[in-house]
Amino acid sequence: MSEVKHEVLLQAKGIYKNFETSKKDQAVHALTNVDLTLYRGETLALVGESGCGKSTLGRTLIRMLPATRGSVTFEGQNITAMKDKEFAPLRRRMQMVFQDPYASLDPRMTVGSIIEEGMIIHNMYDAKRRQERVAELLSIVGLNREHANRFPHEFSGGQRQRIGIARAIALQPDLIVCDEPVSALDVSVQSQVLNLLKDLQKQYGLTYLFIGHDLSVINFIADRVCVMFLGHVCEVATKEELYSRPMHPYTAFLMDAIPQADPHRRNQHRRVLMGEVPSPVNLPSGCCFHTRCPYATERCRTEVPELREWDGRMVACHRAGENWD
């Protein structure tokens, strides 16, 4: 992250997100007291098991979902407190690339209309310039300008995701939330899309919040990594720090789950995470990870760990820095 200037673009403090259930006085606790900082020009990756709140956090940060509690500031402005009319000019500066390239494009619209739609909504350019811009964007993401008149079903998954990326960058955003943008693609296509995202970031100075679960993909694209478990932030560190020396037990288990390409290393001792993920409706007391953590103490079972700085990174663990082995 040497090229990234530490200029804060977006900051979340004490974010909670609950979803009501059919039962009275019962809710799904999707996010609990999340603090997060995004620096301009970086790629911050969110990782964790399915259902840990990664996508919910991504959507909450850009106001696609309202936060239950807490604040999000974008360039120093508290966007959670804004009325919709106040927020509207900032909407185009925060865009999203969705996980499913098949479901995220309207099958009744041509590719040109899909890419142009946002520009129309935000009153960008006249009609002729919009058509020129659509052609430019298709070329930028590796497609042909003739593709503007076709429909999404005529394209492969990788091509559809390129269309989704073109739609996102059409509005000249500062921040793009990439919600597992390559997980639905063939492995051979994943690297092409990831390289495209990197090239666009360099070209336009984009900031990415990259949501994923494939740690090899995260290792390729991220500058910093935020590890989440059950709606809580466990650890935030640079990619190099996290992969070389995880400080939260959950992070260590995730790292041990990475498949080894070297056959001589496959038989080495690897920690395996046991037990079921607790229900987000009834969160455990103390540290939310203590029911699955073999290193948990009585303090872990009763006291919620604070996300604190430890050795240059942020860790939410009472035993951070200890040698668990």
C-alpha atoms as a PDB file:
ATOM      1  CA  MET A   1       0.000   0.000   0.000  1.00  0.00           C
ATOM      2  CA  SER A   2       3.020   2.262  -0.519  1.00  0.00           C
ATOM      3  CA  GLU A   3       1.250   4.353  -3.176  1.00  0.00           C
ATOM      4  CA  VAL A   4      -1.823   4.919  -1.018  1.00  0.00           C
ATOM      5  CA  LYS A   5      -1.902   8.256   0.753  1.00  0.00           C
ATOM      6  CA  HIS A   6      -3.519   7.954   4.151  1.00  0.00           C
ATOM      7  CA  GLU A   7      -6.373  10.307   3.306  1.00  0.00           C
ATOM      8  CA  VAL A   8      -9.594   9.072   4.868  1.00  0.00           C
ATOM      9  CA  LEU A   9     -12.376   8.700   2.312  1.00  0.00           C
ATOM     10  CA  LEU A  10     -14.985   6.904   4.420  1.00  0.00           C
ATOM     11  CA  GLN A  11     -15.195   6.124   8.115  1.00  0.00           C
ATOM     12  CA  ALA A  12     -17.728   4.011   9.994  1.00  0.00           C
ATOM     13  CA  LYS A  13     -18.143   4.238  13.766  1.00  0.00           C
ATOM     14  CA  GLY A  14     -20.272   1.999  15.965  1.00  0.00           C
ATOM     15  CA  ILE A  15     -22.347   0.564  13.123  1.00  0.00           C
ATOM     16  CA  TYR A  16     -25.170  -1.768  14.112  1.00  0.00           C
ATOM     17  CA  LYS A  17     -27.568  -3.387  11.662  1.00  0.00           C
ATOM     18  CA  ASN A  18     -30.496  -5.475  12.868  1.00  0.00           C
ATOM     19  CA  PHE A  19     -33.182  -7.161  10.797  1.00  0.00           C
ATOM     20  CA  GLU A  20     -36.583  -7.794  12.337  1.00  0.00           C
ATOM     21  CA  THR A  21     -37.940 -11.330  12.378  1.00  0.00           C
ATOM     22  CA  SER A  22     -41.491 -12.659  12.440  1.00  0.00           C
ATOM     23  CA  LYS A  23     -41.234 -13.029  16.210  1.00  0.00           C
ATOM     24  CA  LYS A  24     -41.870  -9.972  18.339  1.00  0.00           C
ATOM     25  CA  ASP A  25     -38.852  -8.510  20.187  1.00  0.00           C
ATOM     26  CA  GLN A  26     -36.469 -10.722  18.202  1.00  0.00           C
ATOM     27  CA  ALA A  27     -33.972  -9.569  15.593  1.00  0.00           C
ATOM     28  CA  VAL A  28     -31.088 -10.827  13.493  1.00  0.00           C
ATOM     29  CA  HIS A  29     -27.940  -9.005  14.630  1.00  0.00           C
ATOM     30  CA  ALA A  30     -26.178  -8.682  11.270  1.00  0.00           C
ATOM     31  CA  LEU A  31     -23.620  -6.050  12.370  1.00  0.00           C
ATOM     32  CA  THR A  32     -22.495  -5.213  15.902  1.00  0.00           C
ATOM     33  CA  ASN A  33     -20.460  -2.113  16.797  1.00  0.00           C
ATOM     34  CA  VAL A  34     -18.398  -2.066  13.584  1.00  0.00           C
ATOM     35  CA  ASP A  35     -15.607   0.511  13.236  1.00  0.00           C
ATOM     36  CA  LEU A  36     -13.888   0.763   9.863  1.00  0.00           C
ATOM     37  CA  THR A  37     -11.789   3.281   7.932  1.00  0.00           C
ATOM     38  CA  LEU A  38     -11.296   3.379   4.162  1.00  0.00           C
ATOM     39  CA  TYR A  39      -8.387   5.355   2.718  1.00  0.00           C
ATOM     40  CA  ARG A  40      -8.565   6.977  -0.684  1.00  0.00           C
ATOM     41  CA  GLY A  41      -7.049   4.865  -3.454  1.00  0.00           C
ATOM     42  CA  GLU A  42      -6.749   1.621  -1.493  1.00  0.00           C
ATOM     43  CA  THR A  43      -8.414  -1.777  -1.739  1.00  0.00           C
ATOM     44  CA  LEU A  44      -9.772  -2.900   1.615  1.00  0.00           C
ATOM     45  CA  ALA A  45     -10.994  -6.489   1.567  1.00  0.00           C
ATOM     46  CA  LEU A  46     -13.726  -7.889   3.818  1.00  0.00           C
ATOM     47  CA  VAL A  47     -13.330 -11.606   4.489  1.00  0.00           C
ATOM     48  CA  GLY A  48     -15.100 -14.190   6.622  1.00  0.00           C
ATOM     49  CA  GLU A  49     -17.475 -17.116   6.440  1.00  0.00           C
ATOM     50  CA  SER A  50     -20.796 -16.876   4.609  1.00  0.00           C
ATOM     51  CA  GLY A  51     -23.351 -15.017   6.702  1.00  0.00           C
ATOM     52  CA  CYS A  52     -20.803 -13.047   8.736  1.00  0.00           C
ATOM     53  CA  GLY A  53     -22.188  -9.674   7.573  1.00  0.00           C
ATOM     54  CA  LYS A  54     -19.739  -8.724   4.807  1.00  0.00           C
ATOM     55  CA  SER A  55     -22.335  -7.844   2.172  1.00  0.00           C
ATOM     56  CA  THR A  56     -24.597  -6.187   4.737  1.00  0.00           C
ATOM     57  CA  LEU A  57     -21.699  -3.976   5.833  1.00  0.00           C
ATOM     58  CA  GLY A  58     -20.848  -3.062   2.246  1.00  0.00           C
ATOM     59  CA  ARG A  59     -24.424  -2.033   1.538  1.00  0.00           C
ATOM     60  CA  THR A  60     -24.795  -0.174   4.843  1.00  0.00           C
ATOM     61  CA  LEU A  61     -21.636   1.856   4.255  1.00  0.00           C
ATOM     62  CA  ILE A  62     -23.016   3.280   1.004  1.00  0.00           C
ATOM     63  CA  ARG A  63     -26.579   3.667   2.312  1.00  0.00           C
ATOM     64  CA  MET A  64     -28.151   0.922   0.245  1.00  0.00           C
ATOM     65  CA  LEU A  65     -29.289  -0.294   3.664  1.00  0.00           C
ATOM     66  CA  PRO A  66     -30.008   2.053   6.596  1.00  0.00           C
ATOM     67  CA  ALA A  67     -27.875   1.539   9.696  1.00  0.00           C
ATOM     68  CA  THR A  68     -29.774   0.710  12.895  1.00  0.00           C
ATOM     69  CA  ARG A  69     -27.214   2.698  14.914  1.00  0.00           C
ATOM     70  CA  GLY A  70     -23.887   4.369  14.327  1.00  0.00           C
ATOM     71  CA  SER A  71     -22.502   6.818  11.781  1.00  0.00           C
ATOM     72  CA  VAL A  72     -20.782   6.732   8.404  1.00  0.00           C
ATOM     73  CA  THR A  73     -18.851   9.766   7.225  1.00  0.00           C
ATOM     74  CA  PHE A  74     -17.839  10.253   3.593  1.00  0.00           C
ATOM     75  CA  GLU A  75     -15.174  12.935   3.094  1.00  0.00           C
ATOM     76  CA  GLY A  76     -16.077  14.223   6.543  1.00  0.00           C
ATOM     77  CA  GLN A  77     -19.833  14.410   5.896  1.00  0.00           C
ATOM     78  CA  ASN A  78     -22.126  12.286   8.048  1.00  0.00           C
ATOM     79  CA  ILE A  79     -24.163  10.516   5.372  1.00  0.00           C
ATOM     80  CA  THR A  80     -26.229   8.472   7.853  1.00  0.00           C
ATOM     81  CA  ALA A  81     -27.806  11.678   9.160  1.00  0.00           C
ATOM     82  CA  MET A  82     -28.575  13.088   5.708  1.00  0.00           C
ATOM     83  CA  LYS A  83     -32.020  13.212   4.178  1.00  0.00           C
ATOM     84  CA  ASP A  84     -32.357  11.470   0.809  1.00  0.00           C
ATOM     85  CA  LYS A  85     -32.383  14.789  -1.057  1.00  0.00           C
ATOM     86  CA  GLU A  86     -29.119  15.861   0.615  1.00  0.00           C
ATOM     87  CA  PHE A  87     -27.513  12.497  -0.089  1.00  0.00           C
ATOM     88  CA  ALA A  88     -28.542  12.345  -3.766  1.00  0.00           C
ATOM     89  CA  PRO A  89     -25.490  14.252  -5.125  1.00  0.00           C
ATOM     90  CA  LEU A  90     -23.189  11.850  -3.268  1.00  0.00           C
ATOM     91  CA  ARG A  91     -24.944   8.709  -4.513  1.00  0.00           C
ATOM     92  CA  ARG A  92     -23.144   8.645  -7.859  1.00  0.00           C
ATOM     93  CA  ARG A  93     -19.779   8.750  -6.062  1.00  0.00           C
ATOM     94  CA  MET A  94     -20.483   5.384  -4.371  1.00  0.00           C
ATOM     95  CA  GLN A  95     -21.231   2.516  -6.710  1.00  0.00           C
ATOM     96  CA  MET A  96     -21.459  -1.258  -6.520  1.00  0.00           C
ATOM     97  CA  VAL A  97     -20.439  -4.280  -8.581  1.00  0.00           C
ATOM     98  CA  PHE A  98     -22.680  -7.190  -7.658  1.00  0.00           C
ATOM     99  CA  GLN A  99     -21.852 -10.847  -7.138  1.00  0.00           C
ATOM    100  CA  ASP A 100     -24.179 -12.390  -9.686  1.00  0.00           C
ATOM    101  CA  PRO A 101     -23.572 -11.057 -13.214  1.00  0.00           C
ATOM    102  CA  TYR A 102     -26.708 -12.875 -14.399  1.00  0.00           C
ATOM    103  CA  ALA A 103     -29.185 -11.415 -11.885  1.00  0.00           C
ATOM    104  CA  SER A 104     -27.741  -7.891 -11.613  1.00  0.00           C
ATOM    105  CA  LEU A 105     -28.450  -6.834 -15.213  1.00  0.00           C
ATOM    106  CA  ASP A 106     -32.013  -6.143 -16.366  1.00  0.00           C
ATOM    107  CA  PRO A 107     -32.700  -8.696 -19.140  1.00  0.00           C
ATOM    108  CA  ARG A 108     -35.208  -6.344 -20.818  1.00  0.00           C
ATOM    109  CA  MET A 109     -32.681  -3.542 -21.326  1.00  0.00           C
ATOM    110  CA  THR A 110     -29.917  -3.322 -23.897  1.00  0.00           C
ATOM    111  CA  VAL A 111     -26.369  -3.109 -22.636  1.00  0.00           C
ATOM    112  CA  GLY A 112     -26.166   0.499 -23.770  1.00  0.00           C
ATOM    113  CA  SER A 113     -29.295   1.405 -21.809  1.00  0.00           C
ATOM    114  CA  ILE A 114     -27.986  -0.362 -18.702  1.00  0.00           C
ATOM    115  CA  ILE A 115     -24.739   1.626 -18.760  1.00  0.00           C
ATOM    116  CA  GLU A 116     -26.464   4.892 -19.690  1.00  0.00           C
ATOM    117  CA  GLU A 117     -29.239   4.689 -17.087  1.00  0.00           C
ATOM    118  CA  GLY A 118     -27.209   6.135 -14.219  1.00  0.00           C
ATOM    119  CA  MET A 119     -25.971   9.005 -16.356  1.00  0.00           C
ATOM    120  CA  ILE A 120     -29.572   9.904 -17.205  1.00  0.00           C
ATOM    121  CA  ILE A 121     -30.649   9.761 -13.550  1.00  0.00           C
ATOM    122  CA  HIS A 122     -27.784  12.055 -12.504  1.00  0.00           C
ATOM    123  CA  ASN A 123     -28.204  14.431 -15.469  1.00  0.00           C
ATOM    124  CA  MET A 124     -24.740  13.756 -16.850  1.00  0.00           C
ATOM    125  CA  TYR A 125     -24.074  14.946 -20.429  1.00  0.00           C
ATOM    126  CA  ASP A 126     -26.488  15.366 -23.313  1.00  0.00           C
ATOM    127  CA  ALA A 127     -27.893  12.392 -25.255  1.00  0.00           C
ATOM    128  CA  LYS A 128     -25.159  12.385 -27.901  1.00  0.00           C
ATOM    129  CA  ARG A 129     -22.338  12.555 -25.347  1.00  0.00           C
ATOM    130  CA  ARG A 130     -23.949   9.758 -23.331  1.00  0.00           C
ATOM    131  CA  GLN A 131     -23.918   7.490 -26.389  1.00  0.00           C
ATOM    132  CA  GLU A 132     -20.252   8.326 -26.965  1.00  0.00           C
ATOM    133  CA  ARG A 133     -19.525   7.658 -23.312  1.00  0.00           C
ATOM    134  CA  VAL A 134     -21.224   4.249 -23.457  1.00  0.00           C
ATOM    135  CA  ALA A 135     -19.010   3.303 -26.410  1.00  0.00           C
ATOM    136  CA  GLU A 136     -15.918   4.519 -24.537  1.00  0.00           C
ATOM    137  CA  LEU A 137     -16.832   2.547 -21.413  1.00  0.00           C
ATOM    138  CA  LEU A 138     -17.426  -0.664 -23.356  1.00  0.00           C
ATOM    139  CA  SER A 139     -13.987  -0.276 -24.903  1.00  0.00           C
ATOM    140  CA  ILE A 140     -12.394   0.444 -21.513  1.00  0.00           C
ATOM    141  CA  VAL A 141     -13.738  -2.825 -20.028  1.00  0.00           C
ATOM    142  CA  GLY A 142     -12.669  -4.892 -23.050  1.00  0.00           C
ATOM    143  CA  LEU A 143     -15.914  -5.094 -25.040  1.00  0.00           C
ATOM    144  CA  ASN A 144     -16.917  -3.685 -28.433  1.00  0.00           C
ATOM    145  CA  ARG A 145     -19.055  -0.609 -29.011  1.00  0.00           C
ATOM    146  CA  GLU A 146     -21.397  -2.768 -31.146  1.00  0.00           C
ATOM    147  CA  HIS A 147     -22.294  -4.654 -27.955  1.00  0.00           C
ATOM    148  CA  ALA A 148     -24.340  -1.647 -26.802  1.00  0.00           C
ATOM    149  CA  ASN A 149     -27.334  -2.818 -28.864  1.00  0.00           C
ATOM    150  CA  ARG A 150     -27.335  -6.381 -27.516  1.00  0.00           C
ATOM    151  CA  PHE A 151     -29.089  -7.828 -24.485  1.00  0.00           C
ATOM    152  CA  PRO A 152     -27.430  -9.372 -21.392  1.00  0.00           C
ATOM    153  CA  HIS A 153     -28.440 -12.958 -22.279  1.00  0.00           C
ATOM    154  CA  GLU A 154     -26.169 -12.785 -25.344  1.00  0.00           C
ATOM    155  CA  PHE A 155     -23.039 -12.534 -23.164  1.00  0.00           C
ATOM    156  CA  SER A 156     -20.973 -14.890 -21.039  1.00  0.00           C
ATOM    157  CA  GLY A 157     -20.675 -14.471 -17.262  1.00  0.00           C
ATOM    158  CA  GLY A 158     -17.304 -12.738 -17.552  1.00  0.00           C
ATOM    159  CA  GLN A 159     -18.613 -10.350 -20.198  1.00  0.00           C
ATOM    160  CA  ARG A 160     -21.688  -9.563 -18.093  1.00  0.00           C
ATOM    161  CA  GLN A 161     -19.490  -8.708 -15.141  1.00  0.00           C
ATOM    162  CA  ARG A 162     -17.512  -6.346 -17.396  1.00  0.00           C
ATOM    163  CA  ILE A 163     -20.823  -4.675 -18.270  1.00  0.00           C
ATOM    164  CA  GLY A 164     -21.554  -4.348 -14.540  1.00  0.00           C
ATOM    165  CA  ILE A 165     -18.146  -2.754 -14.026  1.00  0.00           C
ATOM    166  CA  ALA A 166     -18.754  -0.345 -16.937  1.00  0.00           C
ATOM    167  CA  ARG A 167     -22.073   0.652 -15.336  1.00  0.00           C
ATOM    168  CA  ALA A 168     -20.304   1.315 -12.019  1.00  0.00           C
ATOM    169  CA  ILE A 169     -17.511   3.488 -13.437  1.00  0.00           C
ATOM    170  CA  ALA A 170     -19.865   5.392 -15.775  1.00  0.00           C
ATOM    171  CA  LEU A 171     -20.720   7.780 -12.949  1.00  0.00           C
ATOM    172  CA  GLN A 172     -17.067   8.536 -12.138  1.00  0.00           C
ATOM    173  CA  PRO A 173     -17.303   7.268  -8.541  1.00  0.00           C
ATOM    174  CA  ASP A 174     -14.710   7.572  -5.800  1.00  0.00           C
ATOM    175  CA  LEU A 175     -15.714   4.339  -4.051  1.00  0.00           C
ATOM    176  CA  ILE A 176     -16.852   1.024  -5.517  1.00  0.00           C
ATOM    177  CA  VAL A 177     -18.122  -1.811  -3.334  1.00  0.00           C
ATOM    178  CA  CYS A 178     -17.212  -5.059  -5.109  1.00  0.00           C
ATOM    179  CA  ASP A 179     -19.459  -7.753  -3.613  1.00  0.00           C
ATOM    180  CA  GLU A 180     -17.700 -11.040  -4.459  1.00  0.00           C
ATOM    181  CA  PRO A 181     -17.444  -9.919  -8.110  1.00  0.00           C
ATOM    182  CA  VAL A 182     -15.578 -13.010  -9.335  1.00  0.00           C
ATOM    183  CA  SER A 183     -17.024 -15.819  -7.194  1.00  0.00           C
ATOM    184  CA  ALA A 184     -19.652 -16.727  -9.836  1.00  0.00           C
ATOM    185  CA  LEU A 185     -17.080 -16.812 -12.654  1.00  0.00           C
ATOM    186  CA  ASP A 186     -14.887 -19.589 -14.020  1.00  0.00           C
ATOM    187  CA  VAL A 187     -11.376 -19.567 -12.565  1.00  0.00           C
ATOM    188  CA  SER A 188      -9.927 -18.813 -16.014  1.00  0.00           C
ATOM    189  CA  VAL A 189     -12.054 -15.654 -16.222  1.00  0.00           C
ATOM    190  CA  GLN A 190     -11.514 -14.504 -12.630  1.00  0.00           C
ATOM    191  CA  SER A 191      -7.963 -13.291 -13.204  1.00  0.00           C
ATOM    192  CA  GLN A 192      -9.046 -11.249 -16.242  1.00  0.00           C
ATOM    193  CA  VAL A 193     -11.726  -9.428 -14.225  1.00  0.00           C
ATOM    194  CA  LEU A 194      -9.379  -8.901 -11.261  1.00  0.00           C
ATOM    195  CA  ASN A 195      -6.699  -7.443 -13.536  1.00  0.00           C
ATOM    196  CA  LEU A 196      -9.325  -5.166 -15.098  1.00  0.00           C
ATOM    197  CA  LEU A 197     -10.310  -3.906 -11.637  1.00  0.00           C
ATOM    198  CA  LYS A 198      -6.665  -3.214 -10.800  1.00  0.00           C
ATOM    199  CA  ASP A 199      -6.117  -1.360 -14.072  1.00  0.00           C
ATOM    200  CA  LEU A 200      -9.210   0.780 -13.546  1.00  0.00           C
ATOM    201  CA  GLN A 201      -8.148   1.584 -10.002  1.00  0.00           C
ATOM    202  CA  LYS A 202      -4.793   2.837 -11.230  1.00  0.00           C
ATOM    203  CA  GLN A 203      -6.354   4.759 -14.124  1.00  0.00           C
ATOM    204  CA  TYR A 204      -9.114   6.501 -12.162  1.00  0.00           C
ATOM    205  CA  GLY A 205      -7.778   6.525  -8.593  1.00  0.00           C
ATOM    206  CA  LEU A 206     -10.654   4.354  -7.392  1.00  0.00           C
ATOM    207  CA  THR A 207     -11.126   3.098  -3.850  1.00  0.00           C
ATOM    208  CA  TYR A 208     -12.438  -0.458  -3.499  1.00  0.00           C
ATOM    209  CA  LEU A 209     -14.218  -2.219  -0.679  1.00  0.00           C
ATOM    210  CA  PHE A 210     -13.720  -5.766  -1.955  1.00  0.00           C
ATOM    211  CA  ILE A 211     -15.903  -8.450  -0.383  1.00  0.00           C
ATOM    212  CA  GLY A 212     -14.712 -12.029  -0.783  1.00  0.00           C
ATOM    213  CA  HIS A 213     -14.069 -15.389   0.793  1.00  0.00           C
ATOM    214  CA  ASP A 214     -11.361 -16.788  -1.520  1.00  0.00           C
ATOM    215  CA  LEU A 215      -8.155 -15.871   0.289  1.00  0.00           C
ATOM    216  CA  SER A 216      -6.000 -16.331  -2.820  1.00  0.00           C
ATOM    217  CA  VAL A 217      -8.133 -13.716  -4.609  1.00  0.00           C
ATOM    218  CA  ILE A 218      -7.890 -11.426  -1.574  1.00  0.00           C
ATOM    219  CA  ASN A 219      -4.113 -11.869  -1.506  1.00  0.00           C
ATOM    220  CA  PHE A 220      -3.941 -10.750  -5.130  1.00  0.00           C
ATOM    221  CA  ILE A 221      -6.113  -7.651  -4.970  1.00  0.00           C
ATOM    222  CA  ALA A 222      -6.113  -6.255  -1.423  1.00  0.00           C
ATOM    223  CA  ASP A 223      -3.935  -3.656   0.284  1.00  0.00           C
ATOM    224  CA  ARG A 224      -5.545  -4.158   3.693  1.00  0.00           C
ATOM    225  CA  VAL A 225      -7.832  -6.885   4.998  1.00  0.00           C
ATOM    226  CA  CYS A 226     -10.679  -6.749   7.518  1.00  0.00           C
ATOM    227  CA  VAL A 227     -11.655 -10.127   8.978  1.00  0.00           C
ATOM    228  CA  MET A 228     -15.265 -10.481  10.168  1.00  0.00           C
ATOM    229  CA  PHE A 229     -17.069 -13.089  12.249  1.00  0.00           C
ATOM    230  CA  LEU A 230     -20.772 -13.022  13.113  1.00  0.00           C
ATOM    231  CA  GLY A 231     -21.154  -9.317  12.394  1.00  0.00           C
ATOM    232  CA  HIS A 232     -18.068  -8.307  14.405  1.00  0.00           C
ATOM    233  CA  VAL A 233     -14.676  -7.081  13.197  1.00  0.00           C
ATOM    234  CA  CYS A 234     -11.970  -9.458  14.417  1.00  0.00           C
ATOM    235  CA  GLU A 235      -8.839  -7.979  12.881  1.00  0.00           C
ATOM    236  CA  VAL A 236      -7.759  -5.274  10.417  1.00  0.00           C
ATOM    237  CA  ALA A 237      -4.229  -5.315   9.024  1.00  0.00           C
ATOM    238  CA  THR A 238      -2.215  -4.904   5.867  1.00  0.00           C
ATOM    239  CA  LYS A 239      -2.275  -7.938   3.614  1.00  0.00           C
ATOM    240  CA  GLU A 240       1.372  -8.706   4.308  1.00  0.00           C
ATOM    241  CA  GLU A 241       0.924  -8.549   8.092  1.00  0.00           C
ATOM    242  CA  LEU A 242      -2.209 -10.626   8.094  1.00  0.00           C
ATOM    243  CA  TYR A 243      -0.913 -13.428   5.896  1.00  0.00           C
ATOM    244  CA  SER A 244       2.454 -13.649   7.634  1.00  0.00           C
ATOM    245  CA  ARG A 245       1.254 -13.436  11.249  1.00  0.00           C
ATOM    246  CA  PRO A 246      -2.451 -13.465  12.080  1.00  0.00           C
ATOM    247  CA  MET A 247      -3.158 -12.152  15.572  1.00  0.00           C
ATOM    248  CA  HIS A 248      -6.774 -13.223  16.015  1.00  0.00           C
ATOM    249  CA  PRO A 249      -7.446 -16.972  16.420  1.00  0.00           C
ATOM    250  CA  TYR A 250     -10.232 -16.847  13.817  1.00  0.00           C
ATOM    251  CA  THR A 251      -7.850 -15.282  11.284  1.00  0.00           C
ATOM    252  CA  ALA A 252      -5.325 -18.041  11.991  1.00  0.00           C
ATOM    253  CA  PHE A 253      -7.967 -20.703  11.284  1.00  0.00           C
ATOM    254  CA  LEU A 254      -8.889 -18.983   8.014  1.00  0.00           C
ATOM    255  CA  MET A 255      -5.252 -18.931   6.944  1.00  0.00           C
ATOM    256  CA  ASP A 256      -4.858 -22.624   7.751  1.00  0.00           C
ATOM    257  CA  ALA A 257      -7.845 -23.374   5.514  1.00  0.00           C
ATOM    258  CA  ILE A 258      -6.028 -22.090   2.395  1.00  0.00           C
ATOM    259  CA  PRO A 259      -5.282 -25.092   0.120  1.00  0.00           C
ATOM    260  CA  GLN A 260      -1.563 -25.826  -0.246  1.00  0.00           C
ATOM    261  CA  ALA A 261      -0.198 -26.152  -3.775  1.00  0.00           C
ATOM    262  CA  ASP A 262       3.023 -27.758  -2.538  1.00  0.00           C
ATOM    263  CA  PRO A 263       2.296 -31.493  -1.974  1.00  0.00           C
ATOM    264  CA  HIS A 264       5.106 -31.695   0.602  1.00  0.00           C
ATOM    265  CA  ARG A 265       3.344 -29.128   2.813  1.00  0.00           C
ATOM    266  CA  ARG A 266      -0.131 -30.676   2.677  1.00  0.00           C
ATOM    267  CA  ASN A 267       0.546 -33.043   5.551  1.00  0.00           C
ATOM    268  CA  GLN A 268       1.802 -30.326   7.876  1.00  0.00           C
ATOM    269  CA  HIS A 269      -0.206 -29.673  11.046  1.00  0.00           C
ATOM    270  CA  ARG A 270      -3.197 -27.482  10.231  1.00  0.00           C
ATOM    271  CA  ARG A 271      -5.704 -26.116  12.692  1.00  0.00           C
ATOM    272  CA  VAL A 272      -9.298 -27.007  11.849  1.00  0.00           C
ATOM    273  CA  LEU A 273     -12.168 -24.876  13.096  1.00  0.00           C
ATOM    274  CA  MET A 274     -14.722 -26.987  14.965  1.00  0.00           C
ATOM    275  CA  GLY A 275     -18.341 -26.372  15.933  1.00  0.00           C
ATOM    276  CA  GLU A 276     -21.232 -24.475  14.426  1.00  0.00           C
ATOM    277  CA  VAL A 277     -21.487 -20.716  13.911  1.00  0.00           C
ATOM    278  CA  PRO A 278     -23.729 -19.298  16.696  1.00  0.00           C
ATOM    279  CA  SER A 279     -27.110 -17.884  15.755  1.00  0.00           C
ATOM    280  CA  PRO A 280     -27.102 -14.162  14.889  1.00  0.00           C
ATOM    281  CA  VAL A 281     -30.476 -13.989  16.641  1.00  0.00           C
ATOM    282  CA  ASN A 282     -28.999 -15.055  19.989  1.00  0.00           C
ATOM    283  CA  LEU A 283     -25.403 -13.847  20.085  1.00  0.00           C
ATOM    284  CA  PRO A 284     -23.080 -15.460  22.673  1.00  0.00           C
ATOM    285  CA  SER A 285     -22.036 -13.440  25.692  1.00  0.00           C
ATOM    286  CA  GLY A 286     -18.510 -12.042  25.761  1.00  0.00           C
ATOM    287  CA  CYS A 287     -16.461 -12.642  22.616  1.00  0.00           C
ATOM    288  CA  CYS A 288     -18.753 -13.887  19.840  1.00  0.00           C
ATOM    289  CA  PHE A 289     -16.039 -16.359  18.767  1.00  0.00           C
ATOM    290  CA  HIS A 290     -15.497 -17.989  22.167  1.00  0.00           C
ATOM    291  CA  THR A 291     -17.855 -20.944  21.480  1.00  0.00           C
ATOM    292  CA  ARG A 292     -15.547 -22.108  18.663  1.00  0.00           C
ATOM    293  CA  CYS A 293     -12.198 -20.893  19.992  1.00  0.00           C
ATOM    294  CA  PRO A 294      -9.932 -23.515  21.614  1.00  0.00           C
ATOM    295  CA  TYR A 295      -7.961 -20.741  23.333  1.00  0.00           C
ATOM    296  CA  ALA A 296     -10.953 -19.084  25.056  1.00  0.00           C
ATOM    297  CA  THR A 297     -10.662 -18.204  28.760  1.00  0.00           C
ATOM    298  CA  GLU A 298     -13.304 -17.247  31.294  1.00  0.00           C
ATOM    299  CA  ARG A 299     -12.702 -13.588  30.400  1.00  0.00           C
ATOM    300  CA  CYS A 300     -13.496 -14.385  26.756  1.00  0.00           C
ATOM    301  CA  ARG A 301     -16.816 -15.918  27.790  1.00  0.00           C
ATOM    302  CA  THR A 302     -17.946 -12.904  29.810  1.00  0.00           C
ATOM    303  CA  GLU A 303     -16.253  -9.759  28.431  1.00  0.00           C
ATOM    304  CA  VAL A 304     -16.604  -8.387  24.891  1.00  0.00           C
ATOM    305  CA  PRO A 305     -13.100  -7.651  23.502  1.00  0.00           C
ATOM    306  CA  GLU A 306     -12.522  -4.101  22.314  1.00  0.00           C
ATOM    307  CA  LEU A 307     -11.120  -3.495  18.841  1.00  0.00           C
ATOM    308  CA  ARG A 308      -7.746  -2.008  19.781  1.00  0.00           C
ATOM    309  CA  GLU A 309      -4.422  -1.267  18.191  1.00  0.00           C
ATOM    310  CA  TRP A 310      -1.824  -3.980  18.677  1.00  0.00           C
ATOM    311  CA  ASP A 311       1.549  -4.051  16.950  1.00  0.00           C
ATOM    312  CA  GLY A 312       0.415  -1.700  14.163  1.00  0.00           C
ATOM    313  CA  ARG A 313      -2.931  -3.339  13.458  1.00  0.00           C
ATOM    314  CA  MET A 314      -6.426  -3.473  14.944  1.00  0.00           C
ATOM    315  CA  VAL A 315      -7.418  -6.648  16.819  1.00  0.00           C
ATOM    316  CA  ALA A 316     -10.487  -7.564  18.878  1.00  0.00           C
ATOM    317  CA  CYS A 317      -9.062 -10.320  21.081  1.00  0.00           C
ATOM    318  CA  HIS A 318      -8.188 -10.474  24.782  1.00  0.00           C
ATOM    319  CA  ARG A 319      -5.238 -12.718  23.947  1.00  0.00           C
ATOM    320  CA  ALA A 320      -3.898 -10.818  20.932  1.00  0.00           C
ATOM    321  CA  GLY A 321      -0.219 -11.402  20.360  1.00  0.00           C
ATOM    322  CA  GLU A 322      -0.021 -14.583  22.410  1.00  0.00           C
ATOM    323  CA  ASN A 323       1.341 -17.803  20.960  1.00  0.00           C
ATOM    324  CA  TRP A 324      -1.757 -20.039  20.983  1.00  0.00           C
ATOM    325  CA  ASP A 325       0.156 -23.171  20.067  1.00  0.00           C
END
